[in-house]
Amino acid sequence: MKLEERSRIRKEKMVTNLARNFGEAEQWDIEFWKKVGSNTRLGAMWDMVYEVERIRGHAVVESRLQRSVETVLRNAG
């Protein structure tokens, strides 16, 4: 999907709020994310991860969590 198409879709779904101060804005933000649920929050998080990778110029084919590989050997004695 091209940048223009993603931008159009985001604008159609955009939700806004006018706050008089930072505390009011933070409270609205907390309530908003509580309302949308965990699946939407997780999806938004992955959207941000993909967007950062695109900005960095990386090809985003499949993103996954970083994994460390280790071998544990039992002592025979």
C-alpha atoms as a PDB file:
ATOM      1  CA  MET A   1       0.000   0.000   0.000  1.00  0.00           C
ATOM      2  CA  LYS A   2       1.416   3.382  -0.961  1.00  0.00           C
ATOM      3  CA  LEU A   3       2.004   6.223   1.494  1.00  0.00           C
ATOM      4  CA  GLU A   4      -0.847   8.305   0.046  1.00  0.00           C
ATOM      5  CA  GLU A   5      -3.320   5.454   0.506  1.00  0.00           C
ATOM      6  CA  ARG A   6      -2.199   4.812   4.102  1.00  0.00           C
ATOM      7  CA  SER A   7      -2.503   8.533   4.817  1.00  0.00           C
ATOM      8  CA  ARG A   8      -6.041   8.679   3.406  1.00  0.00           C
ATOM      9  CA  ILE A   9      -7.144   5.674   5.465  1.00  0.00           C
ATOM     10  CA  ARG A  10      -5.647   7.138   8.671  1.00  0.00           C
ATOM     11  CA  LYS A  11      -7.406  10.467   8.104  1.00  0.00           C
ATOM     12  CA  GLU A  12     -10.756   8.696   7.684  1.00  0.00           C
ATOM     13  CA  LYS A  13     -10.295   6.965  11.052  1.00  0.00           C
ATOM     14  CA  MET A  14      -8.766   9.924  12.884  1.00  0.00           C
ATOM     15  CA  VAL A  15     -10.200  10.852  16.288  1.00  0.00           C
ATOM     16  CA  THR A  16      -9.377  14.260  17.775  1.00  0.00           C
ATOM     17  CA  ASN A  17      -9.771  16.043  21.083  1.00  0.00           C
ATOM     18  CA  LEU A  18      -9.244  19.615  22.265  1.00  0.00           C
ATOM     19  CA  ALA A  19      -7.621  19.818  25.705  1.00  0.00           C
ATOM     20  CA  ARG A  20      -7.006  22.922  27.814  1.00  0.00           C
ATOM     21  CA  ASN A  21      -3.868  21.518  29.455  1.00  0.00           C
ATOM     22  CA  PHE A  22      -1.506  18.535  29.473  1.00  0.00           C
ATOM     23  CA  GLY A  23      -3.339  16.785  32.315  1.00  0.00           C
ATOM     24  CA  GLU A  24      -6.633  16.934  30.432  1.00  0.00           C
ATOM     25  CA  ALA A  25      -4.942  15.671  27.271  1.00  0.00           C
ATOM     26  CA  GLU A  26      -3.301  12.799  29.138  1.00  0.00           C
ATOM     27  CA  GLN A  27      -6.587  11.787  30.767  1.00  0.00           C
ATOM     28  CA  TRP A  28      -8.355  11.767  27.379  1.00  0.00           C
ATOM     29  CA  ASP A  29      -5.538   9.705  25.893  1.00  0.00           C
ATOM     30  CA  ILE A  30      -5.723   7.116  28.695  1.00  0.00           C
ATOM     31  CA  GLU A  31      -9.505   6.811  28.344  1.00  0.00           C
ATOM     32  CA  PHE A  32      -9.263   6.517  24.554  1.00  0.00           C
ATOM     33  CA  TRP A  33      -6.765   3.637  24.666  1.00  0.00           C
ATOM     34  CA  LYS A  34      -8.782   1.856  27.376  1.00  0.00           C
ATOM     35  CA  LYS A  35     -11.911   2.058  25.182  1.00  0.00           C
ATOM     36  CA  VAL A  36     -10.328   0.646  22.041  1.00  0.00           C
ATOM     37  CA  GLY A  37      -9.146  -2.545  23.705  1.00  0.00           C
ATOM     38  CA  SER A  38      -5.966  -4.589  23.753  1.00  0.00           C
ATOM     39  CA  ASN A  39      -6.121  -5.858  20.146  1.00  0.00           C
ATOM     40  CA  THR A  40      -6.345  -2.317  18.788  1.00  0.00           C
ATOM     41  CA  ARG A  41      -3.523  -1.151  21.075  1.00  0.00           C
ATOM     42  CA  LEU A  42      -1.307  -4.024  19.935  1.00  0.00           C
ATOM     43  CA  GLY A  43      -2.153  -3.304  16.288  1.00  0.00           C
ATOM     44  CA  ALA A  44      -1.281   0.375  16.760  1.00  0.00           C
ATOM     45  CA  MET A  45       2.030  -0.609  18.339  1.00  0.00           C
ATOM     46  CA  TRP A  46       2.946  -2.823  15.369  1.00  0.00           C
ATOM     47  CA  ASP A  47       1.870  -0.070  12.941  1.00  0.00           C
ATOM     48  CA  MET A  48       4.361   2.248  14.667  1.00  0.00           C
ATOM     49  CA  VAL A  49       7.114  -0.380  14.499  1.00  0.00           C
ATOM     50  CA  TYR A  50       6.533  -0.844  10.750  1.00  0.00           C
ATOM     51  CA  GLU A  51       6.395   2.922  10.174  1.00  0.00           C
ATOM     52  CA  VAL A  52       9.726   3.453  11.955  1.00  0.00           C
ATOM     53  CA  GLU A  53      11.318   0.691   9.885  1.00  0.00           C
ATOM     54  CA  ARG A  54      10.036   2.301   6.667  1.00  0.00           C
ATOM     55  CA  ILE A  55      11.364   5.705   7.763  1.00  0.00           C
ATOM     56  CA  ARG A  56      14.749   4.098   8.430  1.00  0.00           C
ATOM     57  CA  GLY A  57      14.665   2.709   4.902  1.00  0.00           C
ATOM     58  CA  HIS A  58      14.391  -0.945   5.907  1.00  0.00           C
ATOM     59  CA  ALA A  59      12.277  -3.388   3.944  1.00  0.00           C
ATOM     60  CA  VAL A  60       9.502  -4.625   6.204  1.00  0.00           C
ATOM     61  CA  VAL A  61       8.694  -8.136   5.063  1.00  0.00           C
ATOM     62  CA  GLU A  62       8.168  -9.854   8.383  1.00  0.00           C
ATOM     63  CA  SER A  63       8.785  -8.235  11.721  1.00  0.00           C
ATOM     64  CA  ARG A  64       9.321 -10.241  14.851  1.00  0.00           C
ATOM     65  CA  LEU A  65      10.587  -9.863  18.357  1.00  0.00           C
ATOM     66  CA  GLN A  66      14.312 -10.087  18.906  1.00  0.00           C
ATOM     67  CA  ARG A  67      15.416 -13.511  20.020  1.00  0.00           C
ATOM     68  CA  SER A  68      18.642 -14.598  21.665  1.00  0.00           C
ATOM     69  CA  VAL A  69      20.056 -18.045  20.971  1.00  0.00           C
ATOM     70  CA  GLU A  70      21.920 -19.975  23.637  1.00  0.00           C
ATOM     71  CA  THR A  71      23.007 -23.538  24.178  1.00  0.00           C
ATOM     72  CA  VAL A  72      22.914 -25.078  27.639  1.00  0.00           C
ATOM     73  CA  LEU A  73      25.060 -28.151  28.195  1.00  0.00           C
ATOM     74  CA  ARG A  74      24.627 -30.467  31.159  1.00  0.00           C
ATOM     75  CA  ASN A  75      27.692 -31.381  33.132  1.00  0.00           C
ATOM     76  CA  ALA A  76      28.041 -35.188  33.042  1.00  0.00           C
ATOM     77  CA  GLY A  77      29.761 -35.267  36.416  1.00  0.00           C
END
